[in-house]
Amino acid sequence: MSDAALRERVKELVVECLFLDVAPSSINDDDNLMEVHGVDSVNLFEIVVALEEDYGISFEDEDFDVETFSTVTSIAALVERKQAEA
């Protein structure tokens, strides 16, 4: 999967998990998801579970920090790293 497709999927998950009434493409790759779109810990958990299911990866405790899950770009980079480790 291309980097652009992965970022688009992350945006789709944000829209789905937050029940946002916006197009995924309206989310900027470097928007702070918590500040701009209201992502909270419950939403983040839902996004993480969906990513694990979609990509067959597992996140470890050390993967969870505010910076890693703050933007579409940083989440996509983590997913790519996890796929490379698998």
Protein backbone atom coordinates (compact mmCIF):
# COMPACT_ATOMS: atom_id res chain seq x y z
CA MET A 1 0.00 0.00 0.00
CA SER A 2 1.32 3.41 -0.91
CA ASP A 3 2.03 6.06 1.68
CA ALA A 4 -0.77 8.22 0.26
CA ALA A 5 -3.26 5.33 0.46
CA LEU A 6 -2.23 4.63 4.05
CA ARG A 7 -2.70 8.26 5.05
CA GLU A 8 -6.11 8.26 3.35
CA ARG A 9 -7.11 5.14 5.33
CA VAL A 10 -6.04 6.79 8.59
CA LYS A 11 -8.22 9.79 7.68
CA GLU A 12 -11.15 7.49 6.94
CA LEU A 13 -10.76 5.87 10.36
CA VAL A 14 -10.67 9.26 12.08
CA VAL A 15 -13.91 10.25 10.34
CA GLU A 16 -15.55 6.88 11.13
CA CYS A 17 -14.47 6.71 14.78
CA LEU A 18 -15.41 10.31 15.54
CA PHE A 19 -18.59 10.23 13.45
CA LEU A 20 -17.40 13.39 11.73
CA ASP A 21 -19.58 14.90 9.05
CA VAL A 22 -16.62 15.76 6.80
CA ALA A 23 -14.84 14.13 3.91
CA PRO A 24 -11.66 12.31 4.92
CA SER A 25 -9.81 14.40 2.33
CA SER A 26 -10.64 17.54 4.34
CA ILE A 27 -8.32 16.37 7.12
CA ASN A 28 -4.80 17.68 6.61
CA ASP A 29 -1.96 15.20 7.04
CA ASP A 30 -0.33 17.38 9.69
CA ASP A 31 -3.45 18.52 11.58
CA ASN A 32 -3.15 17.86 15.29
CA LEU A 33 -5.96 15.33 15.53
CA MET A 34 -6.58 15.98 19.22
CA GLU A 35 -6.72 19.75 18.92
CA VAL A 36 -8.35 20.15 15.51
CA HIS A 37 -10.66 17.14 15.36
CA GLY A 38 -11.28 16.28 19.02
CA VAL A 39 -9.67 12.85 19.09
CA ASP A 40 -9.64 11.55 22.67
CA SER A 41 -8.30 8.37 24.25
CA VAL A 42 -11.45 6.37 23.46
CA ASN A 43 -11.37 7.44 19.81
CA LEU A 44 -7.67 6.69 19.66
CA PHE A 45 -8.27 3.19 20.99
CA GLU A 46 -10.87 2.61 18.27
CA ILE A 47 -8.47 3.86 15.60
CA VAL A 48 -5.67 1.64 16.93
CA VAL A 49 -7.89 -1.47 16.94
CA ALA A 50 -9.01 -0.75 13.38
CA LEU A 51 -5.41 -0.26 12.22
CA GLU A 52 -4.34 -3.51 13.87
CA GLU A 53 -7.18 -5.36 12.14
CA ASP A 54 -6.68 -3.68 8.75
CA TYR A 55 -2.93 -4.14 8.60
CA GLY A 56 -2.31 -7.24 10.71
CA ILE A 57 -0.01 -5.41 13.10
CA SER A 58 0.16 -5.03 16.87
CA PHE A 59 1.00 -1.92 18.80
CA GLU A 60 3.08 -2.23 21.95
CA ASP A 61 2.87 -0.06 25.06
CA GLU A 62 6.01 1.82 24.05
CA ASP A 63 4.33 2.86 20.78
CA PHE A 64 1.79 4.98 22.61
CA ASP A 65 2.70 8.60 23.10
CA VAL A 66 1.02 11.86 22.25
CA GLU A 67 3.43 12.74 19.43
CA THR A 68 3.10 9.40 17.65
CA PHE A 69 -0.67 9.61 17.44
CA SER A 70 -1.01 13.37 16.98
CA THR A 71 -1.16 13.54 13.16
CA VAL A 72 -2.13 11.41 10.20
CA THR A 73 1.49 11.55 9.03
CA SER A 74 2.89 10.26 12.34
CA ILE A 75 0.30 7.47 12.59
CA ALA A 76 1.01 6.37 9.01
CA ALA A 77 4.76 6.34 9.72
CA LEU A 78 4.18 4.11 12.75
CA VAL A 79 2.01 1.71 10.74
CA GLU A 80 4.70 1.50 8.05
CA ARG A 81 7.36 0.80 10.69
CA LYS A 82 5.20 -1.91 12.27
CA GLN A 83 4.60 -3.53 8.88
CA ALA A 84 8.35 -3.56 8.21
CA GLU A 85 8.97 -5.24 11.59
CA ALA A 86 6.40 -7.98 10.91
